[in-house]
């Protein structure tokens, strides 16, 4: 199995995700993290994301960051 560059920490945090859905409409969705690292996170199920390569904005409190979806299944890695 391929080793990760960074260690992931299991941490459930509520965040907001913003982006554009399959129909081209803007969305804001409350979701939670499954695990986190310094450069990304695995997010709970998001019905609005079209798939890998899509960019979404993740917000928690006053902090915001843009991430690229890496894979889509029961959870989403960004």
C-alpha atoms as a PDB file:
ATOM      1  CA  UNK A   1       0.000   0.000   0.000  1.00  0.00           C
ATOM      2  CA  UNK A   2       1.254   3.484  -0.896  1.00  0.00           C
ATOM      3  CA  UNK A   3       2.423   5.528   2.084  1.00  0.00           C
ATOM      4  CA  UNK A   4       0.996   9.041   2.534  1.00  0.00           C
ATOM      5  CA  UNK A   5       3.164  12.163   2.501  1.00  0.00           C
ATOM      6  CA  UNK A   6       1.428  13.421   5.648  1.00  0.00           C
ATOM      7  CA  UNK A   7      -0.209  11.689   8.554  1.00  0.00           C
ATOM      8  CA  UNK A   8      -3.982  11.965   8.716  1.00  0.00           C
ATOM      9  CA  UNK A   9      -5.699  12.561  12.030  1.00  0.00           C
ATOM     10  CA  UNK A  10      -9.234  11.267  12.633  1.00  0.00           C
ATOM     11  CA  UNK A  11     -11.194  14.418  13.437  1.00  0.00           C
ATOM     12  CA  UNK A  12     -14.879  15.203  12.870  1.00  0.00           C
ATOM     13  CA  UNK A  13     -15.418  18.929  12.317  1.00  0.00           C
ATOM     14  CA  UNK A  14     -18.446  20.646  10.824  1.00  0.00           C
ATOM     15  CA  UNK A  15     -17.535  22.726   7.747  1.00  0.00           C
ATOM     16  CA  UNK A  16     -19.309  24.488   4.873  1.00  0.00           C
ATOM     17  CA  UNK A  17     -18.531  23.579   1.290  1.00  0.00           C
ATOM     18  CA  UNK A  18     -19.249  25.907  -1.635  1.00  0.00           C
ATOM     19  CA  UNK A  19     -19.079  25.185  -5.313  1.00  0.00           C
ATOM     20  CA  UNK A  20     -21.096  24.608  -8.469  1.00  0.00           C
ATOM     21  CA  UNK A  21     -23.358  21.548  -8.823  1.00  0.00           C
ATOM     22  CA  UNK A  22     -23.952  19.266 -11.826  1.00  0.00           C
ATOM     23  CA  UNK A  23     -26.488  21.716 -13.292  1.00  0.00           C
ATOM     24  CA  UNK A  24     -24.233  24.773 -13.017  1.00  0.00           C
ATOM     25  CA  UNK A  25     -25.996  26.134  -9.913  1.00  0.00           C
ATOM     26  CA  UNK A  26     -24.031  27.454  -6.931  1.00  0.00           C
ATOM     27  CA  UNK A  27     -24.395  25.480  -3.716  1.00  0.00           C
ATOM     28  CA  UNK A  28     -23.497  25.772  -0.038  1.00  0.00           C
ATOM     29  CA  UNK A  29     -23.625  22.526   1.941  1.00  0.00           C
ATOM     30  CA  UNK A  30     -22.863  21.771   5.595  1.00  0.00           C
ATOM     31  CA  UNK A  31     -20.743  18.633   5.857  1.00  0.00           C
ATOM     32  CA  UNK A  32     -18.223  17.098   8.256  1.00  0.00           C
ATOM     33  CA  UNK A  33     -14.626  15.975   8.024  1.00  0.00           C
ATOM     34  CA  UNK A  34     -13.683  12.344   8.578  1.00  0.00           C
ATOM     35  CA  UNK A  35      -9.958  12.917   8.883  1.00  0.00           C
ATOM     36  CA  UNK A  36      -7.614  15.834   8.285  1.00  0.00           C
ATOM     37  CA  UNK A  37      -3.985  16.593   7.434  1.00  0.00           C
ATOM     38  CA  UNK A  38      -1.995  19.802   6.890  1.00  0.00           C
ATOM     39  CA  UNK A  39      -2.803  19.843   3.173  1.00  0.00           C
ATOM     40  CA  UNK A  40      -6.288  18.339   2.925  1.00  0.00           C
ATOM     41  CA  UNK A  41      -9.154  16.416   4.425  1.00  0.00           C
ATOM     42  CA  UNK A  42     -11.487  13.532   3.783  1.00  0.00           C
ATOM     43  CA  UNK A  43     -15.047  14.838   3.822  1.00  0.00           C
ATOM     44  CA  UNK A  44     -18.343  13.095   4.474  1.00  0.00           C
ATOM     45  CA  UNK A  45     -20.707  12.468   1.571  1.00  0.00           C
ATOM     46  CA  UNK A  46     -21.369  15.455  -0.693  1.00  0.00           C
ATOM     47  CA  UNK A  47     -24.117  14.991  -3.248  1.00  0.00           C
ATOM     48  CA  UNK A  48     -23.255  18.195  -5.124  1.00  0.00           C
ATOM     49  CA  UNK A  49     -19.699  17.373  -6.218  1.00  0.00           C
ATOM     50  CA  UNK A  50     -19.452  16.090  -9.788  1.00  0.00           C
ATOM     51  CA  UNK A  51     -16.241  14.164  -9.327  1.00  0.00           C
ATOM     52  CA  UNK A  52     -12.434  14.193  -9.208  1.00  0.00           C
ATOM     53  CA  UNK A  53     -10.747  17.399 -10.351  1.00  0.00           C
ATOM     54  CA  UNK A  54     -13.590  19.666  -9.254  1.00  0.00           C
ATOM     55  CA  UNK A  55     -12.613  22.621  -7.058  1.00  0.00           C
ATOM     56  CA  UNK A  56     -14.625  23.471  -3.955  1.00  0.00           C
ATOM     57  CA  UNK A  57     -14.197  26.031  -1.210  1.00  0.00           C
ATOM     58  CA  UNK A  58     -14.235  24.705   2.354  1.00  0.00           C
ATOM     59  CA  UNK A  59     -14.983  27.084   5.227  1.00  0.00           C
ATOM     60  CA  UNK A  60     -14.760  26.685   8.991  1.00  0.00           C
ATOM     61  CA  UNK A  61     -15.333  29.798  11.070  1.00  0.00           C
ATOM     62  CA  UNK A  62     -13.399  32.659   9.456  1.00  0.00           C
ATOM     63  CA  UNK A  63     -10.975  30.354   7.626  1.00  0.00           C
ATOM     64  CA  UNK A  64     -11.531  29.475   3.961  1.00  0.00           C
ATOM     65  CA  UNK A  65      -9.496  27.408   1.521  1.00  0.00           C
ATOM     66  CA  UNK A  66      -9.956  26.031  -1.989  1.00  0.00           C
ATOM     67  CA  UNK A  67      -9.400  22.339  -2.585  1.00  0.00           C
ATOM     68  CA  UNK A  68      -9.461  19.978  -5.553  1.00  0.00           C
ATOM     69  CA  UNK A  69     -11.478  16.784  -5.277  1.00  0.00           C
ATOM     70  CA  UNK A  70      -9.213  13.739  -5.616  1.00  0.00           C
ATOM     71  CA  UNK A  71     -11.718  10.917  -5.491  1.00  0.00           C
ATOM     72  CA  UNK A  72     -15.438  10.465  -5.051  1.00  0.00           C
ATOM     73  CA  UNK A  73     -17.081   7.529  -3.311  1.00  0.00           C
ATOM     74  CA  UNK A  74     -18.868   7.248   0.030  1.00  0.00           C
ATOM     75  CA  UNK A  75     -16.516  10.000   1.196  1.00  0.00           C
ATOM     76  CA  UNK A  76     -14.626  12.676  -0.679  1.00  0.00           C
ATOM     77  CA  UNK A  77     -10.913  13.417  -0.381  1.00  0.00           C
ATOM     78  CA  UNK A  78      -9.859  17.015  -1.016  1.00  0.00           C
END
